[in-house]
Amino acid sequence: MAHILVVDDEPAVRDALVRRLREMRHRCAEASNGLEALERLHEREFDLVLTDVMMPKLNGFQFLERALPYLKGRVPVVVLSSVDDRDGAAAAIDAGAYDYLNKPAEREDLERVIAEGLRRREEMVRLLGRFRGRGGPVPREALGERERDRAEAPVEQVPAGVPAVREERRVVSVPRPGERDDDASARSGSVWHRLTAWLRKSDRAA
């Protein structure tokens, strides 16, 4: 069981990641932007960090720039982004991130990357030892918003509303008399489909 820091400005995304990580028997802490993440890393050392890129106040790359010199390889940082950008992935790895995933991430990919990151964590702790200072590895002077941060950090996620983990859902459709299967599939999940299914169920019960 590991202690993982989840950094994302969208509450629904954080909730999905935390839920999945707890299913994997990990403990979680949360932060809504890079500045809050630095605060958490000032308080204690985590086993792994999952961070978004597009965040207000301090984005993912700014967070990497400020945090990595103090993490010294002991804490792998995995970057997740809803923007499918190979250049962004390369930039994250060049900046020192352990790995990069596009959102929504397949559950198997998320589990694999976390497992590999935690193995890397064990190896680095054997080589370097655990952090031995008070609190966490990021000192107080690394915290605080700066003028350059405000100028460079994007405000909104692009595109907005992208889930963190791809859910596996099986859609079952029931065609109306005379309706083609493809028409019914197009209606599946709609308000009309749920309403008619409920009425049919009520008629059978009556």
N, C-alpha and C. Protein backbone atom coordinates (compact mmCIF):
# COMPACT_ATOMS: atom_id res chain seq x y z
N MET A 1 0.84 -1.19 0.00
CA MET A 1 0.00 0.00 0.00
C MET A 1 0.87 1.25 0.00
N ALA A 2 0.60 2.18 -0.92
CA ALA A 2 1.39 3.39 -1.04
C ALA A 2 0.54 4.61 -0.68
N HIS A 3 1.22 5.72 -0.42
CA HIS A 3 0.54 7.00 -0.16
C HIS A 3 0.78 7.88 -1.38
N ILE A 4 -0.30 8.19 -2.12
CA ILE A 4 -0.20 8.87 -3.41
C ILE A 4 -0.88 10.23 -3.34
N LEU A 5 -0.23 11.24 -3.93
CA LEU A 5 -0.78 12.58 -4.02
C LEU A 5 -1.41 12.77 -5.40
N VAL A 6 -2.69 13.15 -5.43
CA VAL A 6 -3.44 13.36 -6.67
C VAL A 6 -3.65 14.87 -6.85
N VAL A 7 -3.17 15.41 -7.98
CA VAL A 7 -3.22 16.85 -8.21
C VAL A 7 -4.04 17.12 -9.48
N ASP A 8 -5.19 17.76 -9.33
CA ASP A 8 -6.03 18.11 -10.49
C ASP A 8 -7.02 19.16 -10.04
N ASP A 9 -7.30 20.13 -10.93
CA ASP A 9 -8.20 21.22 -10.56
C ASP A 9 -9.67 20.87 -10.73
N GLU A 10 -10.00 19.73 -11.34
CA GLU A 10 -11.39 19.33 -11.52
C GLU A 10 -11.76 18.32 -10.44
N PRO A 11 -12.71 18.66 -9.55
CA PRO A 11 -13.07 17.73 -8.47
C PRO A 11 -13.51 16.36 -8.96
N ALA A 12 -14.27 16.30 -10.07
CA ALA A 12 -14.75 15.01 -10.56
C ALA A 12 -13.59 14.12 -11.00
N VAL A 13 -12.57 14.73 -11.59
CA VAL A 13 -11.39 13.96 -12.02
C VAL A 13 -10.64 13.44 -10.81
N ARG A 14 -10.44 14.31 -9.82
CA ARG A 14 -9.75 13.87 -8.59
C ARG A 14 -10.51 12.73 -7.92
N ASP A 15 -11.84 12.88 -7.84
CA ASP A 15 -12.65 11.85 -7.20
C ASP A 15 -12.50 10.51 -7.91
N ALA A 16 -12.51 10.53 -9.25
CA ALA A 16 -12.38 9.29 -10.01
C ALA A 16 -11.03 8.64 -9.77
N LEU A 17 -9.98 9.44 -9.77
CA LEU A 17 -8.64 8.89 -9.53
C LEU A 17 -8.51 8.35 -8.11
N VAL A 18 -9.00 9.10 -7.15
CA VAL A 18 -8.90 8.66 -5.75
C VAL A 18 -9.69 7.37 -5.55
N ARG A 19 -10.88 7.29 -6.14
CA ARG A 19 -11.69 6.08 -6.00
C ARG A 19 -10.95 4.87 -6.58
N ARG A 20 -10.35 5.06 -7.76
CA ARG A 20 -9.63 3.96 -8.38
C ARG A 20 -8.41 3.55 -7.56
N LEU A 21 -7.68 4.52 -7.04
CA LEU A 21 -6.49 4.22 -6.25
C LEU A 21 -6.84 3.51 -4.95
N ARG A 22 -7.95 3.91 -4.34
CA ARG A 22 -8.37 3.23 -3.11
C ARG A 22 -8.81 1.80 -3.40
N GLU A 23 -9.39 1.56 -4.57
CA GLU A 23 -9.70 0.19 -4.96
C GLU A 23 -8.42 -0.64 -5.09
N MET A 24 -7.32 0.04 -5.42
CA MET A 24 -6.02 -0.63 -5.52
C MET A 24 -5.32 -0.70 -4.16
N ARG A 25 -6.02 -0.31 -3.10
CA ARG A 25 -5.54 -0.37 -1.71
C ARG A 25 -4.47 0.67 -1.40
N HIS A 26 -4.50 1.81 -2.10
CA HIS A 26 -3.57 2.89 -1.79
C HIS A 26 -4.27 3.96 -0.97
N ARG A 27 -3.50 4.71 -0.20
CA ARG A 27 -4.00 5.89 0.49
C ARG A 27 -3.77 7.11 -0.40
N CYS A 28 -4.62 8.12 -0.26
CA CYS A 28 -4.53 9.28 -1.15
C CYS A 28 -4.63 10.58 -0.38
N ALA A 29 -3.95 11.59 -0.90
CA ALA A 29 -4.14 12.98 -0.52
C ALA A 29 -4.42 13.74 -1.81
N GLU A 30 -5.08 14.91 -1.69
CA GLU A 30 -5.51 15.64 -2.88
C GLU A 30 -5.01 17.07 -2.85
N ALA A 31 -4.82 17.63 -4.06
CA ALA A 31 -4.49 19.05 -4.24
C ALA A 31 -5.15 19.52 -5.53
N SER A 32 -5.63 20.77 -5.55
CA SER A 32 -6.36 21.28 -6.71
C SER A 32 -5.48 22.05 -7.68
N ASN A 33 -4.21 22.26 -7.35
CA ASN A 33 -3.28 22.93 -8.27
C ASN A 33 -1.85 22.68 -7.78
N GLY A 34 -0.89 23.16 -8.55
CA GLY A 34 0.49 22.92 -8.21
C GLY A 34 0.94 23.53 -6.90
N LEU A 35 0.38 24.70 -6.55
CA LEU A 35 0.76 25.34 -5.29
C LEU A 35 0.31 24.50 -4.10
N GLU A 36 -0.93 23.98 -4.17
CA GLU A 36 -1.41 23.13 -3.10
C GLU A 36 -0.58 21.84 -3.02
N ALA A 37 -0.16 21.34 -4.18
CA ALA A 37 0.67 20.13 -4.19
C ALA A 37 2.00 20.38 -3.49
N LEU A 38 2.60 21.55 -3.72
CA LEU A 38 3.85 21.89 -3.03
C LEU A 38 3.63 21.95 -1.52
N GLU A 39 2.48 22.48 -1.10
CA GLU A 39 2.15 22.53 0.32
C GLU A 39 2.10 21.11 0.91
N ARG A 40 1.45 20.20 0.18
CA ARG A 40 1.35 18.82 0.66
C ARG A 40 2.75 18.18 0.76
N LEU A 41 3.60 18.48 -0.22
CA LEU A 41 4.95 17.92 -0.21
C LEU A 41 5.85 18.61 0.81
N HIS A 42 5.44 19.77 1.29
CA HIS A 42 6.13 20.41 2.40
C HIS A 42 5.78 19.73 3.72
N GLU A 43 4.56 19.17 3.77
CA GLU A 43 4.08 18.54 5.00
C GLU A 43 4.62 17.12 5.18
N ARG A 44 4.79 16.39 4.05
CA ARG A 44 5.25 15.00 4.15
C ARG A 44 5.77 14.52 2.81
N GLU A 45 6.44 13.38 2.81
CA GLU A 45 6.91 12.76 1.58
C GLU A 45 5.89 11.71 1.13
N PHE A 46 5.55 11.72 -0.15
CA PHE A 46 4.64 10.74 -0.72
C PHE A 46 5.44 9.69 -1.49
N ASP A 47 4.75 8.57 -1.79
CA ASP A 47 5.40 7.52 -2.56
C ASP A 47 5.33 7.78 -4.06
N LEU A 48 4.31 8.53 -4.50
CA LEU A 48 4.13 8.83 -5.92
C LEU A 48 3.18 10.01 -6.05
N VAL A 49 3.33 10.77 -7.13
CA VAL A 49 2.46 11.92 -7.40
C VAL A 49 1.83 11.75 -8.78
N LEU A 50 0.52 11.94 -8.87
CA LEU A 50 -0.20 12.01 -10.14
C LEU A 50 -0.65 13.44 -10.33
N THR A 51 -0.22 14.08 -11.42
CA THR A 51 -0.56 15.49 -11.60
C THR A 51 -1.10 15.80 -12.99
N ASP A 52 -2.09 16.68 -13.03
CA ASP A 52 -2.60 17.23 -14.28
C ASP A 52 -1.61 18.25 -14.82
N VAL A 53 -1.84 18.70 -16.05
CA VAL A 53 -1.00 19.74 -16.65
C VAL A 53 -1.69 21.09 -16.56
N MET A 54 -2.90 21.20 -17.12
CA MET A 54 -3.61 22.47 -17.18
C MET A 54 -4.30 22.76 -15.86
N MET A 55 -3.69 23.65 -15.05
CA MET A 55 -4.25 24.02 -13.75
C MET A 55 -4.01 25.49 -13.49
N PRO A 56 -4.88 26.14 -12.72
CA PRO A 56 -4.64 27.54 -12.36
C PRO A 56 -3.54 27.67 -11.32
N LYS A 57 -3.03 28.87 -11.18
CA LYS A 57 -2.01 29.25 -10.18
C LYS A 57 -0.64 28.65 -10.46
N LEU A 58 -0.57 27.33 -10.61
CA LEU A 58 0.70 26.68 -10.92
C LEU A 58 0.38 25.43 -11.72
N ASN A 59 0.79 25.40 -12.99
CA ASN A 59 0.43 24.24 -13.82
C ASN A 59 1.39 23.08 -13.59
N GLY A 60 1.15 21.98 -14.32
CA GLY A 60 1.93 20.77 -14.08
C GLY A 60 3.41 20.94 -14.34
N PHE A 61 3.77 21.65 -15.41
CA PHE A 61 5.18 21.83 -15.73
C PHE A 61 5.87 22.75 -14.71
N GLN A 62 5.16 23.77 -14.27
CA GLN A 62 5.72 24.65 -13.24
C GLN A 62 5.90 23.89 -11.92
N PHE A 63 4.94 23.02 -11.63
CA PHE A 63 5.05 22.18 -10.43
C PHE A 63 6.28 21.28 -10.51
N LEU A 64 6.50 20.65 -11.68
CA LEU A 64 7.68 19.81 -11.86
C LEU A 64 8.96 20.62 -11.66
N GLU A 65 8.99 21.80 -12.27
CA GLU A 65 10.19 22.63 -12.19
C GLU A 65 10.54 22.98 -10.75
N ARG A 66 9.51 23.22 -9.94
CA ARG A 66 9.77 23.66 -8.57
C ARG A 66 9.96 22.49 -7.60
N ALA A 67 9.29 21.36 -7.85
CA ALA A 67 9.31 20.26 -6.89
C ALA A 67 10.45 19.28 -7.10
N LEU A 68 10.77 18.97 -8.36
CA LEU A 68 11.71 17.88 -8.64
C LEU A 68 13.10 18.05 -8.03
N PRO A 69 13.65 19.28 -7.95
CA PRO A 69 14.97 19.39 -7.33
C PRO A 69 15.01 18.89 -5.89
N TYR A 70 13.85 18.91 -5.20
CA TYR A 70 13.80 18.47 -3.81
C TYR A 70 13.39 17.00 -3.69
N LEU A 71 12.67 16.49 -4.69
CA LEU A 71 12.26 15.09 -4.64
C LEU A 71 13.43 14.15 -4.93
N LYS A 72 14.39 14.63 -5.73
CA LYS A 72 15.67 13.93 -5.98
C LYS A 72 15.48 12.49 -6.46
N GLY A 73 14.44 12.26 -7.26
CA GLY A 73 14.22 10.94 -7.83
C GLY A 73 13.54 9.95 -6.91
N ARG A 74 13.40 10.29 -5.62
CA ARG A 74 12.77 9.35 -4.68
C ARG A 74 11.26 9.25 -4.87
N VAL A 75 10.65 10.30 -5.41
CA VAL A 75 9.19 10.34 -5.56
C VAL A 75 8.86 10.46 -7.05
N PRO A 76 8.43 9.38 -7.71
CA PRO A 76 8.07 9.48 -9.13
C PRO A 76 6.85 10.36 -9.32
N VAL A 77 6.88 11.19 -10.37
CA VAL A 77 5.75 12.05 -10.71
C VAL A 77 5.22 11.62 -12.07
N VAL A 78 3.95 11.24 -12.12
CA VAL A 78 3.30 10.84 -13.36
C VAL A 78 2.37 11.97 -13.80
N VAL A 79 2.52 12.41 -15.03
CA VAL A 79 1.72 13.50 -15.57
C VAL A 79 0.54 12.93 -16.35
N LEU A 80 -0.67 13.44 -16.08
CA LEU A 80 -1.86 13.08 -16.83
C LEU A 80 -2.41 14.33 -17.49
N SER A 81 -2.79 14.22 -18.76
CA SER A 81 -3.33 15.38 -19.46
C SER A 81 -4.43 14.95 -20.42
N SER A 82 -5.47 15.79 -20.53
CA SER A 82 -6.55 15.52 -21.48
C SER A 82 -6.18 15.97 -22.89
N VAL A 83 -5.05 16.63 -23.05
CA VAL A 83 -4.58 17.06 -24.36
C VAL A 83 -3.64 15.99 -24.92
N ASP A 84 -4.04 15.35 -26.02
CA ASP A 84 -3.23 14.31 -26.64
C ASP A 84 -2.10 14.97 -27.41
N ASP A 85 -0.97 15.14 -26.76
CA ASP A 85 0.11 15.95 -27.30
C ASP A 85 1.44 15.21 -27.10
N ARG A 86 2.02 14.71 -28.19
CA ARG A 86 3.29 13.99 -28.07
C ARG A 86 4.41 14.92 -27.62
N ASP A 87 4.36 16.16 -28.11
CA ASP A 87 5.38 17.12 -27.68
C ASP A 87 5.26 17.38 -26.18
N GLY A 88 4.00 17.45 -25.69
CA GLY A 88 3.79 17.65 -24.26
C GLY A 88 4.31 16.48 -23.45
N ALA A 89 4.09 15.26 -23.95
CA ALA A 89 4.59 14.08 -23.26
C ALA A 89 6.12 14.10 -23.21
N ALA A 90 6.74 14.42 -24.34
CA ALA A 90 8.20 14.48 -24.37
C ALA A 90 8.72 15.57 -23.44
N ALA A 91 8.01 16.72 -23.41
CA ALA A 91 8.43 17.81 -22.54
C ALA A 91 8.32 17.41 -21.07
N ALA A 92 7.26 16.66 -20.73
CA ALA A 92 7.09 16.22 -19.34
C ALA A 92 8.22 15.28 -18.93
N ILE A 93 8.56 14.34 -19.80
CA ILE A 93 9.65 13.41 -19.49
C ILE A 93 10.98 14.16 -19.41
N ASP A 94 11.20 15.11 -20.33
CA ASP A 94 12.42 15.91 -20.29
C ASP A 94 12.51 16.73 -19.01
N ALA A 95 11.33 17.16 -18.51
CA ALA A 95 11.31 17.96 -17.29
C ALA A 95 11.55 17.13 -16.04
N GLY A 96 11.52 15.81 -16.19
CA GLY A 96 11.82 14.94 -15.06
C GLY A 96 10.67 14.08 -14.59
N ALA A 97 9.51 14.14 -15.28
CA ALA A 97 8.40 13.27 -14.91
C ALA A 97 8.76 11.82 -15.15
N TYR A 98 8.22 10.92 -14.33
CA TYR A 98 8.50 9.50 -14.51
C TYR A 98 7.78 8.95 -15.74
N ASP A 99 6.52 9.38 -15.95
CA ASP A 99 5.75 8.89 -17.09
C ASP A 99 4.63 9.88 -17.39
N TYR A 100 3.92 9.63 -18.50
CA TYR A 100 2.90 10.54 -19.00
C TYR A 100 1.73 9.70 -19.52
N LEU A 101 0.51 10.04 -19.12
CA LEU A 101 -0.69 9.35 -19.60
C LEU A 101 -1.70 10.36 -20.11
N ASN A 102 -2.39 9.98 -21.19
CA ASN A 102 -3.50 10.81 -21.66
C ASN A 102 -4.78 10.45 -20.93
N LYS A 103 -5.59 11.46 -20.61
CA LYS A 103 -6.91 11.22 -20.02
C LYS A 103 -7.96 11.17 -21.13
N PRO A 104 -8.96 10.29 -21.00
CA PRO A 104 -9.12 9.32 -19.91
C PRO A 104 -8.19 8.13 -20.09
N ALA A 105 -7.49 7.77 -19.04
CA ALA A 105 -6.55 6.65 -19.10
C ALA A 105 -7.29 5.33 -18.95
N GLU A 106 -6.87 4.34 -19.72
CA GLU A 106 -7.40 3.00 -19.51
C GLU A 106 -6.97 2.53 -18.12
N ARG A 107 -7.85 1.81 -17.46
CA ARG A 107 -7.53 1.37 -16.10
C ARG A 107 -6.26 0.53 -16.06
N GLU A 108 -6.10 -0.34 -17.05
CA GLU A 108 -4.91 -1.19 -17.07
C GLU A 108 -3.64 -0.35 -17.20
N ASP A 109 -3.69 0.72 -18.02
CA ASP A 109 -2.53 1.58 -18.18
C ASP A 109 -2.21 2.32 -16.88
N LEU A 110 -3.26 2.81 -16.21
CA LEU A 110 -3.05 3.51 -14.94
C LEU A 110 -2.44 2.59 -13.91
N GLU A 111 -2.98 1.39 -13.80
CA GLU A 111 -2.46 0.43 -12.83
C GLU A 111 -1.01 0.05 -13.15
N ARG A 112 -0.72 -0.14 -14.44
CA ARG A 112 0.64 -0.51 -14.83
C ARG A 112 1.64 0.59 -14.50
N VAL A 113 1.31 1.83 -14.86
CA VAL A 113 2.24 2.93 -14.63
C VAL A 113 2.47 3.15 -13.14
N ILE A 114 1.42 3.04 -12.34
CA ILE A 114 1.58 3.21 -10.90
C ILE A 114 2.45 2.10 -10.31
N ALA A 115 2.20 0.85 -10.75
CA ALA A 115 3.00 -0.26 -10.25
C ALA A 115 4.47 -0.08 -10.61
N GLU A 116 4.74 0.33 -11.85
CA GLU A 116 6.13 0.55 -12.28
C GLU A 116 6.75 1.72 -11.51
N GLY A 117 5.96 2.79 -11.30
CA GLY A 117 6.48 3.94 -10.56
C GLY A 117 6.82 3.58 -9.12
N LEU A 118 6.00 2.74 -8.51
CA LEU A 118 6.28 2.34 -7.12
C LEU A 118 7.49 1.43 -7.04
N ARG A 119 7.71 0.62 -8.07
CA ARG A 119 8.95 -0.18 -8.10
C ARG A 119 10.17 0.74 -8.21
N ARG A 120 10.03 1.78 -9.03
CA ARG A 120 11.12 2.77 -9.15
C ARG A 120 11.35 3.45 -7.80
N ARG A 121 10.27 3.75 -7.10
CA ARG A 121 10.38 4.38 -5.78
C ARG A 121 11.18 3.49 -4.83
N GLU A 122 10.87 2.19 -4.81
CA GLU A 122 11.59 1.27 -3.94
C GLU A 122 13.08 1.23 -4.27
N GLU A 123 13.40 1.22 -5.56
CA GLU A 123 14.80 1.18 -5.97
C GLU A 123 15.54 2.44 -5.53
N MET A 124 14.91 3.61 -5.71
CA MET A 124 15.57 4.86 -5.35
C MET A 124 15.72 5.00 -3.84
N VAL A 125 14.74 4.50 -3.09
CA VAL A 125 14.85 4.57 -1.63
C VAL A 125 15.99 3.68 -1.15
N ARG A 126 16.17 2.53 -1.81
CA ARG A 126 17.30 1.66 -1.43
C ARG A 126 18.63 2.36 -1.71
N LEU A 127 18.68 3.12 -2.82
CA LEU A 127 19.93 3.79 -3.19
C LEU A 127 20.17 5.05 -2.37
N LEU A 128 19.13 5.86 -2.18
CA LEU A 128 19.29 7.18 -1.59
C LEU A 128 18.79 7.27 -0.14
N GLY A 129 17.97 6.30 0.26
CA GLY A 129 17.36 6.39 1.57
C GLY A 129 16.12 7.27 1.53
N ARG A 130 15.35 7.21 2.58
CA ARG A 130 14.15 8.03 2.67
C ARG A 130 14.52 9.46 3.07
N PHE A 131 13.60 10.36 2.82
CA PHE A 131 13.81 11.74 3.25
C PHE A 131 13.88 11.78 4.77
N ARG A 132 14.87 12.44 5.32
CA ARG A 132 15.10 12.42 6.76
C ARG A 132 14.86 13.76 7.44
N GLY A 133 14.39 14.75 6.68
CA GLY A 133 14.13 16.04 7.31
C GLY A 133 12.78 16.06 8.01
N ARG A 134 12.49 17.16 8.66
CA ARG A 134 11.19 17.32 9.31
C ARG A 134 10.15 17.65 8.24
N GLY A 135 8.95 17.16 8.41
CA GLY A 135 7.89 17.42 7.43
C GLY A 135 8.15 16.68 6.14
N GLY A 136 8.14 17.43 5.02
CA GLY A 136 8.35 16.82 3.71
C GLY A 136 9.58 17.38 3.03
N PRO A 137 9.87 16.91 1.81
CA PRO A 137 11.11 17.30 1.14
C PRO A 137 11.10 18.71 0.55
N VAL A 138 9.93 19.30 0.29
CA VAL A 138 9.88 20.63 -0.33
C VAL A 138 9.91 21.70 0.76
N PRO A 139 10.91 22.57 0.77
CA PRO A 139 11.03 23.56 1.83
C PRO A 139 10.05 24.72 1.68
N ARG A 140 9.91 25.48 2.73
CA ARG A 140 8.97 26.60 2.73
C ARG A 140 9.29 27.62 1.66
N GLU A 141 10.56 27.84 1.36
CA GLU A 141 10.92 28.87 0.38
C GLU A 141 10.51 28.49 -1.04
N ALA A 142 10.18 27.24 -1.29
CA ALA A 142 9.73 26.83 -2.63
C ALA A 142 8.24 27.08 -2.83
N LEU A 143 7.53 27.43 -1.76
CA LEU A 143 6.09 27.66 -1.83
C LEU A 143 5.80 29.12 -2.15
N GLY A 144 4.56 29.40 -2.47
CA GLY A 144 4.16 30.77 -2.71
C GLY A 144 4.04 31.08 -4.19
N GLU A 145 2.99 31.81 -4.53
CA GLU A 145 2.75 32.17 -5.93
C GLU A 145 3.70 33.29 -6.35
N ARG A 146 4.18 33.21 -7.58
CA ARG A 146 5.09 34.22 -8.11
C ARG A 146 4.50 34.86 -9.35
N GLU A 147 5.00 36.01 -9.71
CA GLU A 147 4.45 36.76 -10.84
C GLU A 147 4.53 35.94 -12.13
N ARG A 148 5.64 35.24 -12.35
CA ARG A 148 5.78 34.44 -13.56
C ARG A 148 4.78 33.29 -13.60
N ASP A 149 4.49 32.72 -12.43
CA ASP A 149 3.49 31.65 -12.37
C ASP A 149 2.13 32.14 -12.83
N ARG A 150 1.72 33.31 -12.33
CA ARG A 150 0.40 33.84 -12.70
C ARG A 150 0.32 34.14 -14.18
N ALA A 151 1.42 34.54 -14.77
CA ALA A 151 1.42 34.89 -16.19
C ALA A 151 1.36 33.65 -17.08
N GLU A 152 1.97 32.54 -16.63
CA GLU A 152 2.11 31.38 -17.49
C GLU A 152 1.09 30.28 -17.25
N ALA A 153 0.52 30.20 -16.06
CA ALA A 153 -0.36 29.08 -15.74
C ALA A 153 -1.72 29.24 -16.40
N PRO A 154 -2.17 28.25 -17.20
CA PRO A 154 -3.50 28.33 -17.81
C PRO A 154 -4.58 28.20 -16.75
N VAL A 155 -5.75 28.77 -17.01
CA VAL A 155 -6.83 28.80 -16.04
C VAL A 155 -7.74 27.59 -16.18
N GLU A 156 -8.00 27.14 -17.41
CA GLU A 156 -8.99 26.10 -17.62
C GLU A 156 -8.38 24.85 -18.24
N GLN A 157 -9.04 23.72 -17.94
CA GLN A 157 -8.67 22.46 -18.56
C GLN A 157 -9.14 22.47 -20.02
N VAL A 158 -8.31 22.00 -20.95
CA VAL A 158 -8.68 21.97 -22.36
C VAL A 158 -8.42 20.58 -22.92
N PRO A 159 -9.43 19.84 -23.39
CA PRO A 159 -10.84 20.18 -23.27
C PRO A 159 -11.36 19.90 -21.87
N ALA A 160 -12.40 20.58 -21.45
CA ALA A 160 -12.92 20.46 -20.10
C ALA A 160 -13.74 19.19 -19.95
N GLY A 161 -13.84 18.71 -18.72
CA GLY A 161 -14.72 17.61 -18.41
C GLY A 161 -14.25 16.24 -18.82
N VAL A 162 -12.98 16.06 -19.14
CA VAL A 162 -12.49 14.75 -19.55
C VAL A 162 -12.26 13.90 -18.30
N PRO A 163 -12.86 12.70 -18.23
CA PRO A 163 -12.69 11.87 -17.03
C PRO A 163 -11.25 11.40 -16.90
N ALA A 164 -10.89 11.03 -15.69
CA ALA A 164 -9.52 10.58 -15.44
C ALA A 164 -9.31 9.15 -15.89
N VAL A 165 -10.32 8.31 -15.68
CA VAL A 165 -10.19 6.89 -15.98
C VAL A 165 -11.33 6.48 -16.90
N ARG A 166 -11.01 5.74 -17.94
CA ARG A 166 -12.05 5.28 -18.87
C ARG A 166 -12.84 4.16 -18.20
N GLU A 167 -14.16 4.35 -18.10
CA GLU A 167 -15.03 3.36 -17.49
C GLU A 167 -15.48 2.34 -18.52
N GLU A 168 -15.54 1.07 -18.10
CA GLU A 168 -16.04 0.01 -18.97
C GLU A 168 -17.54 -0.13 -18.75
N ARG A 169 -18.34 0.23 -19.75
CA ARG A 169 -19.79 0.16 -19.62
C ARG A 169 -20.39 -0.57 -20.81
N ARG A 170 -21.25 -1.52 -20.53
CA ARG A 170 -21.93 -2.26 -21.58
C ARG A 170 -23.31 -1.66 -21.80
N VAL A 171 -23.61 -1.23 -23.01
CA VAL A 171 -24.89 -0.60 -23.32
C VAL A 171 -25.81 -1.64 -23.93
N VAL A 172 -27.01 -1.80 -23.34
CA VAL A 172 -28.00 -2.75 -23.83
C VAL A 172 -29.21 -1.96 -24.29
N SER A 173 -29.64 -2.19 -25.52
CA SER A 173 -30.79 -1.46 -26.06
C SER A 173 -31.92 -2.43 -26.35
N VAL A 174 -33.17 -1.95 -26.18
CA VAL A 174 -34.37 -2.74 -26.46
C VAL A 174 -35.14 -2.04 -27.56
N PRO A 175 -35.22 -2.61 -28.78
CA PRO A 175 -35.91 -1.93 -29.87
C PRO A 175 -37.43 -1.93 -29.69
N ARG A 176 -38.06 -0.88 -30.17
CA ARG A 176 -39.52 -0.85 -30.22
C ARG A 176 -39.99 -1.72 -31.38
N PRO A 177 -41.26 -2.16 -31.36
CA PRO A 177 -41.78 -2.94 -32.48
C PRO A 177 -41.59 -2.20 -33.79
N GLY A 178 -40.98 -2.85 -34.78
CA GLY A 178 -40.77 -2.25 -36.08
C GLY A 178 -39.54 -1.37 -36.17
N GLU A 179 -38.80 -1.23 -35.08
CA GLU A 179 -37.61 -0.36 -35.09
C GLU A 179 -36.37 -1.19 -35.39
N ARG A 180 -35.47 -0.67 -36.21
CA ARG A 180 -34.23 -1.36 -36.53
C ARG A 180 -33.30 -1.33 -35.33
N ASP A 181 -32.42 -2.34 -35.24
CA ASP A 181 -31.49 -2.43 -34.12
C ASP A 181 -30.57 -1.22 -34.04
N ASP A 182 -30.14 -0.71 -35.22
CA ASP A 182 -29.22 0.44 -35.18
C ASP A 182 -29.93 1.69 -34.68
N ASP A 183 -31.25 1.83 -34.97
CA ASP A 183 -32.00 2.96 -34.44
C ASP A 183 -32.10 2.87 -32.92
N ALA A 184 -32.34 1.64 -32.43
CA ALA A 184 -32.45 1.46 -30.98
C ALA A 184 -31.12 1.74 -30.29
N SER A 185 -30.03 1.32 -30.90
CA SER A 185 -28.73 1.58 -30.30
C SER A 185 -28.45 3.07 -30.19
N ALA A 186 -28.89 3.82 -31.20
CA ALA A 186 -28.67 5.27 -31.17
C ALA A 186 -29.45 5.91 -30.04
N ARG A 187 -30.60 5.29 -29.69
CA ARG A 187 -31.42 5.85 -28.62
C ARG A 187 -30.94 5.40 -27.23
N SER A 188 -30.08 4.36 -27.18
CA SER A 188 -29.69 3.79 -25.90
C SER A 188 -29.06 4.84 -25.00
N GLY A 189 -29.47 4.82 -23.71
CA GLY A 189 -28.94 5.79 -22.75
C GLY A 189 -29.69 7.10 -22.75
N SER A 190 -30.62 7.31 -23.69
CA SER A 190 -31.35 8.58 -23.75
C SER A 190 -32.46 8.60 -22.72
N VAL A 191 -32.98 9.81 -22.46
CA VAL A 191 -34.11 9.93 -21.53
C VAL A 191 -35.31 9.16 -22.05
N TRP A 192 -35.55 9.24 -23.38
CA TRP A 192 -36.69 8.53 -23.97
C TRP A 192 -36.58 7.03 -23.71
N HIS A 193 -35.39 6.46 -23.89
CA HIS A 193 -35.22 5.02 -23.73
C HIS A 193 -35.47 4.61 -22.28
N ARG A 194 -34.93 5.35 -21.33
CA ARG A 194 -35.13 5.00 -19.93
C ARG A 194 -36.58 5.12 -19.52
N LEU A 195 -37.28 6.14 -20.05
CA LEU A 195 -38.68 6.34 -19.71
C LEU A 195 -39.55 5.21 -20.25
N THR A 196 -39.37 4.82 -21.52
CA THR A 196 -40.18 3.76 -22.10
C THR A 196 -39.91 2.43 -21.41
N ALA A 197 -38.65 2.17 -21.02
CA ALA A 197 -38.33 0.93 -20.31
C ALA A 197 -39.05 0.88 -18.97
N TRP A 198 -39.10 2.03 -18.29
CA TRP A 198 -39.78 2.09 -16.99
C TRP A 198 -41.27 1.88 -17.16
N LEU A 199 -41.89 2.43 -18.23
CA LEU A 199 -43.32 2.26 -18.46
C LEU A 199 -43.64 0.80 -18.77
N ARG A 200 -42.81 0.15 -19.57
CA ARG A 200 -43.04 -1.25 -19.87
C ARG A 200 -42.97 -2.11 -18.60
N LYS A 201 -42.01 -1.78 -17.74
CA LYS A 201 -41.88 -2.52 -16.49
C LYS A 201 -43.10 -2.33 -15.62
N SER A 202 -43.63 -1.09 -15.59
CA SER A 202 -44.82 -0.80 -14.80
C SER A 202 -46.03 -1.54 -15.35
N ASP A 203 -46.15 -1.62 -16.69
CA ASP A 203 -47.28 -2.34 -17.29
C ASP A 203 -47.24 -3.82 -16.94
N ARG A 204 -46.03 -4.41 -16.95
CA ARG A 204 -45.92 -5.83 -16.62
C ARG A 204 -46.28 -6.08 -15.16
N ALA A 205 -45.88 -5.15 -14.29
CA ALA A 205 -46.19 -5.30 -12.86
C ALA A 205 -47.68 -5.17 -12.60
N ALA A 206 -48.38 -4.30 -13.41
CA ALA A 206 -49.83 -4.14 -13.23
C ALA A 206 -50.57 -5.37 -13.71
